[in-house]
């Protein structure tokens, strides 16, 4: 497991679990991104980004999530967001990101898969 700036990366046989720090800001985003990309690059298993420590979703975090997702999908892996708080879930919905991301919310100590809404057309 690697820990840096509140970032935790744990690799298991067929999964990489990334827990993001509570706040991604311009001062730490490059270091965080480089660390995550080096851990997931070429990995074809499941990559779970844990938002349990994340307070709010700002544009810099959206950019980071989408870059990680792109690397994972290019390698043939699957990408998930886990432990998404109600506030972050609402923010993802308002940005229509819940339509392209697999989101698992936190409810009563367990993960609940966010029900997919029918698509209203291409993004």
C-alpha atoms as a PDB file:
ATOM      1  CA  UNK A   1       0.000   0.000   0.000  1.00  0.00           C
ATOM      2  CA  UNK A   2       1.228   3.468  -0.863  1.00  0.00           C
ATOM      3  CA  UNK A   3       0.195   6.544   1.116  1.00  0.00           C
ATOM      4  CA  UNK A   4       0.939  10.091  -0.044  1.00  0.00           C
ATOM      5  CA  UNK A   5      -0.912  13.334   0.724  1.00  0.00           C
ATOM      6  CA  UNK A   6      -3.835  11.316   2.075  1.00  0.00           C
ATOM      7  CA  UNK A   7      -3.800   9.135  -1.054  1.00  0.00           C
ATOM      8  CA  UNK A   8      -3.947   5.382  -0.447  1.00  0.00           C
ATOM      9  CA  UNK A   9      -3.304   2.864  -3.225  1.00  0.00           C
ATOM     10  CA  UNK A  10      -3.695  -0.833  -2.520  1.00  0.00           C
ATOM     11  CA  UNK A  11      -3.206  -3.449  -5.193  1.00  0.00           C
ATOM     12  CA  UNK A  12      -4.673  -6.894  -4.919  1.00  0.00           C
ATOM     13  CA  UNK A  13      -4.446  -9.646  -7.486  1.00  0.00           C
ATOM     14  CA  UNK A  14      -7.309  -8.483  -9.716  1.00  0.00           C
ATOM     15  CA  UNK A  15      -8.152  -5.064  -8.267  1.00  0.00           C
ATOM     16  CA  UNK A  16      -6.566  -1.731  -7.461  1.00  0.00           C
ATOM     17  CA  UNK A  17      -8.274   0.261  -4.725  1.00  0.00           C
ATOM     18  CA  UNK A  18      -7.485   3.997  -4.693  1.00  0.00           C
ATOM     19  CA  UNK A  19      -8.707   6.128  -1.810  1.00  0.00           C
ATOM     20  CA  UNK A  20      -8.435   9.797  -2.661  1.00  0.00           C
ATOM     21  CA  UNK A  21      -7.546  12.502  -0.150  1.00  0.00           C
ATOM     22  CA  UNK A  22     -10.343  14.705   1.153  1.00  0.00           C
ATOM     23  CA  UNK A  23      -9.376  17.558  -1.164  1.00  0.00           C
ATOM     24  CA  UNK A  24      -7.674  17.562  -4.526  1.00  0.00           C
ATOM     25  CA  UNK A  25      -6.233  20.970  -5.280  1.00  0.00           C
ATOM     26  CA  UNK A  26      -3.793  22.440  -7.771  1.00  0.00           C
ATOM     27  CA  UNK A  27      -0.898  22.077  -5.316  1.00  0.00           C
ATOM     28  CA  UNK A  28      -1.223  18.291  -5.091  1.00  0.00           C
ATOM     29  CA  UNK A  29      -3.110  17.165  -8.195  1.00  0.00           C
ATOM     30  CA  UNK A  30      -0.028  16.496 -10.342  1.00  0.00           C
ATOM     31  CA  UNK A  31       1.634  14.329  -7.698  1.00  0.00           C
ATOM     32  CA  UNK A  32      -1.600  12.465  -6.979  1.00  0.00           C
ATOM     33  CA  UNK A  33      -2.299  11.942 -10.690  1.00  0.00           C
ATOM     34  CA  UNK A  34       1.220  10.678 -11.445  1.00  0.00           C
ATOM     35  CA  UNK A  35       1.080   8.229  -8.549  1.00  0.00           C
ATOM     36  CA  UNK A  36      -2.310   6.828  -9.564  1.00  0.00           C
ATOM     37  CA  UNK A  37      -1.525   6.662 -13.295  1.00  0.00           C
ATOM     38  CA  UNK A  38       1.694   4.756 -12.612  1.00  0.00           C
ATOM     39  CA  UNK A  39      -0.261   2.270 -10.466  1.00  0.00           C
ATOM     40  CA  UNK A  40      -3.084   1.678 -12.974  1.00  0.00           C
ATOM     41  CA  UNK A  41      -1.294   1.996 -16.315  1.00  0.00           C
ATOM     42  CA  UNK A  42      -1.545  -1.277 -18.217  1.00  0.00           C
ATOM     43  CA  UNK A  43      -3.673  -2.889 -15.470  1.00  0.00           C
ATOM     44  CA  UNK A  44      -6.624  -4.740 -16.998  1.00  0.00           C
ATOM     45  CA  UNK A  45      -8.497  -5.538 -13.801  1.00  0.00           C
ATOM     46  CA  UNK A  46     -10.968  -3.550 -11.731  1.00  0.00           C
ATOM     47  CA  UNK A  47      -9.945  -0.114 -10.477  1.00  0.00           C
ATOM     48  CA  UNK A  48     -12.022   1.309  -7.656  1.00  0.00           C
ATOM     49  CA  UNK A  49     -11.679   4.963  -6.694  1.00  0.00           C
ATOM     50  CA  UNK A  50     -12.884   5.373  -3.119  1.00  0.00           C
ATOM     51  CA  UNK A  51     -14.371   8.795  -2.377  1.00  0.00           C
ATOM     52  CA  UNK A  52     -15.073   8.142   1.313  1.00  0.00           C
ATOM     53  CA  UNK A  53     -12.719  10.966   2.361  1.00  0.00           C
ATOM     54  CA  UNK A  54     -13.827  13.328  -0.407  1.00  0.00           C
ATOM     55  CA  UNK A  55     -15.746  16.354   0.826  1.00  0.00           C
ATOM     56  CA  UNK A  56     -16.844  17.833  -2.485  1.00  0.00           C
ATOM     57  CA  UNK A  57     -16.309  17.375  -6.205  1.00  0.00           C
ATOM     58  CA  UNK A  58     -14.652  20.268  -7.992  1.00  0.00           C
ATOM     59  CA  UNK A  59     -13.551  20.501 -11.617  1.00  0.00           C
ATOM     60  CA  UNK A  60      -9.985  19.491 -10.802  1.00  0.00           C
ATOM     61  CA  UNK A  61     -11.246  16.228  -9.276  1.00  0.00           C
ATOM     62  CA  UNK A  62     -13.517  15.561 -12.252  1.00  0.00           C
ATOM     63  CA  UNK A  63     -10.525  15.970 -14.566  1.00  0.00           C
ATOM     64  CA  UNK A  64      -8.474  13.572 -12.434  1.00  0.00           C
ATOM     65  CA  UNK A  65     -11.248  10.959 -12.325  1.00  0.00           C
ATOM     66  CA  UNK A  66     -11.742  11.110 -16.090  1.00  0.00           C
ATOM     67  CA  UNK A  67      -7.989  10.764 -16.763  1.00  0.00           C
ATOM     68  CA  UNK A  68      -7.777   7.717 -14.504  1.00  0.00           C
ATOM     69  CA  UNK A  69     -10.903   6.236 -16.096  1.00  0.00           C
ATOM     70  CA  UNK A  70      -9.435   6.715 -19.575  1.00  0.00           C
ATOM     71  CA  UNK A  71      -6.196   4.908 -18.638  1.00  0.00           C
ATOM     72  CA  UNK A  72      -8.134   2.032 -17.085  1.00  0.00           C
ATOM     73  CA  UNK A  73     -10.472   1.628 -20.055  1.00  0.00           C
ATOM     74  CA  UNK A  74      -7.567   1.813 -22.540  1.00  0.00           C
ATOM     75  CA  UNK A  75      -5.950  -1.126 -20.732  1.00  0.00           C
ATOM     76  CA  UNK A  76      -9.192  -3.122 -20.866  1.00  0.00           C
ATOM     77  CA  UNK A  77     -10.052  -2.712 -17.204  1.00  0.00           C
ATOM     78  CA  UNK A  78     -13.216  -1.600 -15.454  1.00  0.00           C
ATOM     79  CA  UNK A  79     -13.560   1.629 -13.472  1.00  0.00           C
ATOM     80  CA  UNK A  80     -15.776   2.277 -10.459  1.00  0.00           C
ATOM     81  CA  UNK A  81     -16.408   5.021  -7.906  1.00  0.00           C
ATOM     82  CA  UNK A  82     -17.144   3.757  -4.395  1.00  0.00           C
ATOM     83  CA  UNK A  83     -18.200   5.193  -1.049  1.00  0.00           C
ATOM     84  CA  UNK A  84     -19.736   8.217  -2.738  1.00  0.00           C
ATOM     85  CA  UNK A  85     -21.451  10.489  -0.223  1.00  0.00           C
ATOM     86  CA  UNK A  86     -24.915  11.895  -0.872  1.00  0.00           C
ATOM     87  CA  UNK A  87     -23.436  15.353  -1.527  1.00  0.00           C
ATOM     88  CA  UNK A  88     -20.927  13.991  -4.059  1.00  0.00           C
ATOM     89  CA  UNK A  89     -23.613  11.804  -5.627  1.00  0.00           C
ATOM     90  CA  UNK A  90     -25.760  14.896  -6.211  1.00  0.00           C
ATOM     91  CA  UNK A  91     -22.788  16.754  -7.697  1.00  0.00           C
ATOM     92  CA  UNK A  92     -22.024  13.859 -10.061  1.00  0.00           C
ATOM     93  CA  UNK A  93     -25.671  13.768 -11.097  1.00  0.00           C
ATOM     94  CA  UNK A  94     -25.767  17.521 -11.741  1.00  0.00           C
ATOM     95  CA  UNK A  95     -22.759  17.121 -14.054  1.00  0.00           C
ATOM     96  CA  UNK A  96     -24.374  14.071 -15.753  1.00  0.00           C
ATOM     97  CA  UNK A  97     -21.327  12.008 -14.788  1.00  0.00           C
ATOM     98  CA  UNK A  98     -23.530   9.401 -13.142  1.00  0.00           C
ATOM     99  CA  UNK A  99     -24.539   8.378 -16.678  1.00  0.00           C
ATOM    100  CA  UNK A 100     -21.013   7.330 -17.679  1.00  0.00           C
ATOM    101  CA  UNK A 101     -19.499   6.287 -14.344  1.00  0.00           C
ATOM    102  CA  UNK A 102     -20.315   3.220 -12.267  1.00  0.00           C
ATOM    103  CA  UNK A 103     -21.189   4.787  -8.899  1.00  0.00           C
ATOM    104  CA  UNK A 104     -21.583   2.950  -5.602  1.00  0.00           C
ATOM    105  CA  UNK A 105     -22.965   5.058  -2.769  1.00  0.00           C
ATOM    106  CA  UNK A 106     -22.475   4.595   0.961  1.00  0.00           C
ATOM    107  CA  UNK A 107     -25.644   3.714   2.838  1.00  0.00           C
ATOM    108  CA  UNK A 108     -25.660   2.407   6.396  1.00  0.00           C
ATOM    109  CA  UNK A 109     -22.080   1.144   6.235  1.00  0.00           C
ATOM    110  CA  UNK A 110     -22.418  -0.832   3.031  1.00  0.00           C
ATOM    111  CA  UNK A 111     -22.006  -0.095  -0.628  1.00  0.00           C
ATOM    112  CA  UNK A 112     -25.138   0.231  -2.748  1.00  0.00           C
ATOM    113  CA  UNK A 113     -24.988   0.241  -6.523  1.00  0.00           C
ATOM    114  CA  UNK A 114     -26.510   3.385  -7.942  1.00  0.00           C
ATOM    115  CA  UNK A 115     -29.353   2.385 -10.236  1.00  0.00           C
ATOM    116  CA  UNK A 116     -28.660   3.316 -13.818  1.00  0.00           C
ATOM    117  CA  UNK A 117     -31.061   5.789 -15.301  1.00  0.00           C
ATOM    118  CA  UNK A 118     -32.175   5.180 -18.867  1.00  0.00           C
ATOM    119  CA  UNK A 119     -30.028   7.139 -21.267  1.00  0.00           C
ATOM    120  CA  UNK A 120     -31.669  10.113 -22.945  1.00  0.00           C
ATOM    121  CA  UNK A 121     -29.264   9.980 -25.862  1.00  0.00           C
ATOM    122  CA  UNK A 122     -25.565  10.214 -26.545  1.00  0.00           C
ATOM    123  CA  UNK A 123     -23.354  12.439 -24.429  1.00  0.00           C
END
